[in-house]
């Protein structure tokens, strides 16, 4: 899920302060320490693409969690971020209802 968060964050080529905070908060919650920070630096330099994120998915629940992680990492305020989320949802075969529900929860 962290890979999805990083990929979403870097979808538009920029990482704003709020996105950075979300990533580092997730990393801290995972309690990965220095190794986690090294991994994050590497992942930011070369984020996973959508196919890589979708390849390892084995269930609809896992697909929904990966999409949710990506969506939670960003506020899709650029065309590139919105396009990334759309393509990710399609690659993961996440139902439109689940996407709408998540967007509504985040908005409210």
C-alpha atoms as a PDB file:
ATOM      1  CA  UNK A   1       0.000   0.000   0.000  1.00  0.00           C
ATOM      2  CA  UNK A   2       2.930   2.319   0.654  1.00  0.00           C
ATOM      3  CA  UNK A   3       4.041   1.843  -2.956  1.00  0.00           C
ATOM      4  CA  UNK A   4       0.589   2.970  -4.107  1.00  0.00           C
ATOM      5  CA  UNK A   5       0.780   6.012  -1.846  1.00  0.00           C
ATOM      6  CA  UNK A   6       4.177   6.990  -3.242  1.00  0.00           C
ATOM      7  CA  UNK A   7       3.100   6.436  -6.842  1.00  0.00           C
ATOM      8  CA  UNK A   8      -0.011   8.574  -6.327  1.00  0.00           C
ATOM      9  CA  UNK A   9       2.020  11.292  -4.650  1.00  0.00           C
ATOM     10  CA  UNK A  10       4.424  11.420  -7.566  1.00  0.00           C
ATOM     11  CA  UNK A  11       1.749  11.142 -10.298  1.00  0.00           C
ATOM     12  CA  UNK A  12       2.033  14.822 -11.145  1.00  0.00           C
ATOM     13  CA  UNK A  13       5.796  14.968 -10.636  1.00  0.00           C
ATOM     14  CA  UNK A  14       5.477  17.121  -7.511  1.00  0.00           C
ATOM     15  CA  UNK A  15       5.069  16.361  -3.836  1.00  0.00           C
ATOM     16  CA  UNK A  16       3.456  19.102  -1.799  1.00  0.00           C
ATOM     17  CA  UNK A  17       3.813  19.504   1.957  1.00  0.00           C
ATOM     18  CA  UNK A  18       0.520  17.764   2.757  1.00  0.00           C
ATOM     19  CA  UNK A  19       1.439  14.765   0.602  1.00  0.00           C
ATOM     20  CA  UNK A  20       4.862  14.579   2.223  1.00  0.00           C
ATOM     21  CA  UNK A  21       3.250  14.640   5.665  1.00  0.00           C
ATOM     22  CA  UNK A  22       0.844  11.835   4.733  1.00  0.00           C
ATOM     23  CA  UNK A  23       3.693   9.665   3.463  1.00  0.00           C
ATOM     24  CA  UNK A  24       5.891  10.205   6.486  1.00  0.00           C
ATOM     25  CA  UNK A  25       2.954   9.659   8.847  1.00  0.00           C
ATOM     26  CA  UNK A  26       2.162   6.348   7.143  1.00  0.00           C
ATOM     27  CA  UNK A  27       5.817   5.380   7.340  1.00  0.00           C
ATOM     28  CA  UNK A  28       5.924   6.219  11.053  1.00  0.00           C
ATOM     29  CA  UNK A  29       2.717   4.241  11.660  1.00  0.00           C
ATOM     30  CA  UNK A  30       4.322   1.232   9.963  1.00  0.00           C
ATOM     31  CA  UNK A  31       7.270   1.567  12.386  1.00  0.00           C
ATOM     32  CA  UNK A  32       9.843   0.882   9.683  1.00  0.00           C
ATOM     33  CA  UNK A  33      12.527   3.162  11.136  1.00  0.00           C
ATOM     34  CA  UNK A  34      15.663   4.074   9.203  1.00  0.00           C
ATOM     35  CA  UNK A  35      15.207   1.223   6.750  1.00  0.00           C
ATOM     36  CA  UNK A  36      11.767   2.588   5.935  1.00  0.00           C
ATOM     37  CA  UNK A  37      13.152   6.042   5.254  1.00  0.00           C
ATOM     38  CA  UNK A  38      15.805   4.565   2.936  1.00  0.00           C
ATOM     39  CA  UNK A  39      13.102   2.575   1.142  1.00  0.00           C
ATOM     40  CA  UNK A  40      10.934   5.692   0.808  1.00  0.00           C
ATOM     41  CA  UNK A  41      13.795   7.713  -0.665  1.00  0.00           C
ATOM     42  CA  UNK A  42      14.407   4.968  -3.247  1.00  0.00           C
ATOM     43  CA  UNK A  43      10.701   4.628  -4.031  1.00  0.00           C
ATOM     44  CA  UNK A  44      10.307   8.405  -4.474  1.00  0.00           C
ATOM     45  CA  UNK A  45      13.170   8.361  -6.973  1.00  0.00           C
ATOM     46  CA  UNK A  46      11.529   5.523  -8.940  1.00  0.00           C
ATOM     47  CA  UNK A  47       7.847   5.148  -8.073  1.00  0.00           C
ATOM     48  CA  UNK A  48       5.995   2.009  -9.132  1.00  0.00           C
ATOM     49  CA  UNK A  49       3.854   2.268 -12.214  1.00  0.00           C
ATOM     50  CA  UNK A  50       0.221   1.245 -12.348  1.00  0.00           C
ATOM     51  CA  UNK A  51       0.954  -2.164 -13.851  1.00  0.00           C
ATOM     52  CA  UNK A  52       3.413  -2.948 -11.061  1.00  0.00           C
ATOM     53  CA  UNK A  53       0.836  -1.974  -8.450  1.00  0.00           C
ATOM     54  CA  UNK A  54      -1.878  -4.095 -10.065  1.00  0.00           C
ATOM     55  CA  UNK A  55       0.274  -7.167 -10.794  1.00  0.00           C
ATOM     56  CA  UNK A  56       0.469  -8.413  -7.218  1.00  0.00           C
ATOM     57  CA  UNK A  57      -3.226  -8.017  -6.412  1.00  0.00           C
ATOM     58  CA  UNK A  58      -4.979 -11.284  -5.684  1.00  0.00           C
ATOM     59  CA  UNK A  59      -8.399 -10.247  -4.360  1.00  0.00           C
ATOM     60  CA  UNK A  60     -11.010  -7.495  -4.721  1.00  0.00           C
ATOM     61  CA  UNK A  61     -10.411  -6.527  -1.080  1.00  0.00           C
ATOM     62  CA  UNK A  62      -6.695  -6.086  -1.673  1.00  0.00           C
ATOM     63  CA  UNK A  63      -7.437  -4.046  -4.817  1.00  0.00           C
ATOM     64  CA  UNK A  64      -9.761  -1.776  -2.847  1.00  0.00           C
ATOM     65  CA  UNK A  65      -7.145  -1.284  -0.093  1.00  0.00           C
ATOM     66  CA  UNK A  66      -4.450  -0.374  -2.626  1.00  0.00           C
ATOM     67  CA  UNK A  67      -6.734   2.106  -4.370  1.00  0.00           C
ATOM     68  CA  UNK A  68      -7.796   3.585  -1.023  1.00  0.00           C
ATOM     69  CA  UNK A  69      -4.166   4.003   0.039  1.00  0.00           C
ATOM     70  CA  UNK A  70      -3.372   5.850  -3.186  1.00  0.00           C
ATOM     71  CA  UNK A  71      -6.450   8.042  -2.839  1.00  0.00           C
ATOM     72  CA  UNK A  72      -5.736   8.839   0.808  1.00  0.00           C
ATOM     73  CA  UNK A  73      -2.191   9.908  -0.060  1.00  0.00           C
ATOM     74  CA  UNK A  74      -3.301  12.758  -2.282  1.00  0.00           C
ATOM     75  CA  UNK A  75      -5.891  15.414  -2.797  1.00  0.00           C
ATOM     76  CA  UNK A  76      -6.461  14.835  -6.537  1.00  0.00           C
ATOM     77  CA  UNK A  77      -6.194  18.482  -7.513  1.00  0.00           C
ATOM     78  CA  UNK A  78      -4.249  18.033 -10.729  1.00  0.00           C
ATOM     79  CA  UNK A  79      -5.220  16.383 -13.990  1.00  0.00           C
ATOM     80  CA  UNK A  80      -2.297  13.962 -13.652  1.00  0.00           C
ATOM     81  CA  UNK A  81      -3.421  12.840 -10.183  1.00  0.00           C
ATOM     82  CA  UNK A  82      -7.020  12.345 -11.301  1.00  0.00           C
ATOM     83  CA  UNK A  83      -5.845  10.412 -14.363  1.00  0.00           C
ATOM     84  CA  UNK A  84      -3.543   8.267 -12.205  1.00  0.00           C
ATOM     85  CA  UNK A  85      -6.426   7.349  -9.882  1.00  0.00           C
ATOM     86  CA  UNK A  86      -8.726   6.581 -12.813  1.00  0.00           C
ATOM     87  CA  UNK A  87      -6.139   4.335 -14.454  1.00  0.00           C
ATOM     88  CA  UNK A  88      -5.301   2.655 -11.152  1.00  0.00           C
ATOM     89  CA  UNK A  89      -8.966   1.922 -10.455  1.00  0.00           C
ATOM     90  CA  UNK A  90      -9.323   0.425 -13.931  1.00  0.00           C
ATOM     91  CA  UNK A  91      -6.161  -1.690 -13.584  1.00  0.00           C
ATOM     92  CA  UNK A  92      -7.305  -2.939 -10.176  1.00  0.00           C
ATOM     93  CA  UNK A  93     -10.919  -3.401 -11.339  1.00  0.00           C
ATOM     94  CA  UNK A  94     -12.246  -1.377  -8.402  1.00  0.00           C
ATOM     95  CA  UNK A  95     -16.014  -0.862  -8.742  1.00  0.00           C
ATOM     96  CA  UNK A  96     -17.196   2.685  -9.397  1.00  0.00           C
ATOM     97  CA  UNK A  97     -19.456   2.482  -6.319  1.00  0.00           C
ATOM     98  CA  UNK A  98     -16.439   1.861  -4.077  1.00  0.00           C
ATOM     99  CA  UNK A  99     -14.602   4.831  -5.571  1.00  0.00           C
ATOM    100  CA  UNK A 100     -17.619   7.098  -5.107  1.00  0.00           C
ATOM    101  CA  UNK A 101     -18.069   5.938  -1.517  1.00  0.00           C
ATOM    102  CA  UNK A 102     -14.408   6.606  -0.697  1.00  0.00           C
ATOM    103  CA  UNK A 103     -14.495  10.047  -2.338  1.00  0.00           C
ATOM    104  CA  UNK A 104     -17.655  10.923  -0.384  1.00  0.00           C
ATOM    105  CA  UNK A 105     -16.101   9.788   2.908  1.00  0.00           C
ATOM    106  CA  UNK A 106     -12.996  11.889   2.260  1.00  0.00           C
ATOM    107  CA  UNK A 107     -15.050  14.926   1.276  1.00  0.00           C
ATOM    108  CA  UNK A 108     -17.302  14.737   4.320  1.00  0.00           C
END
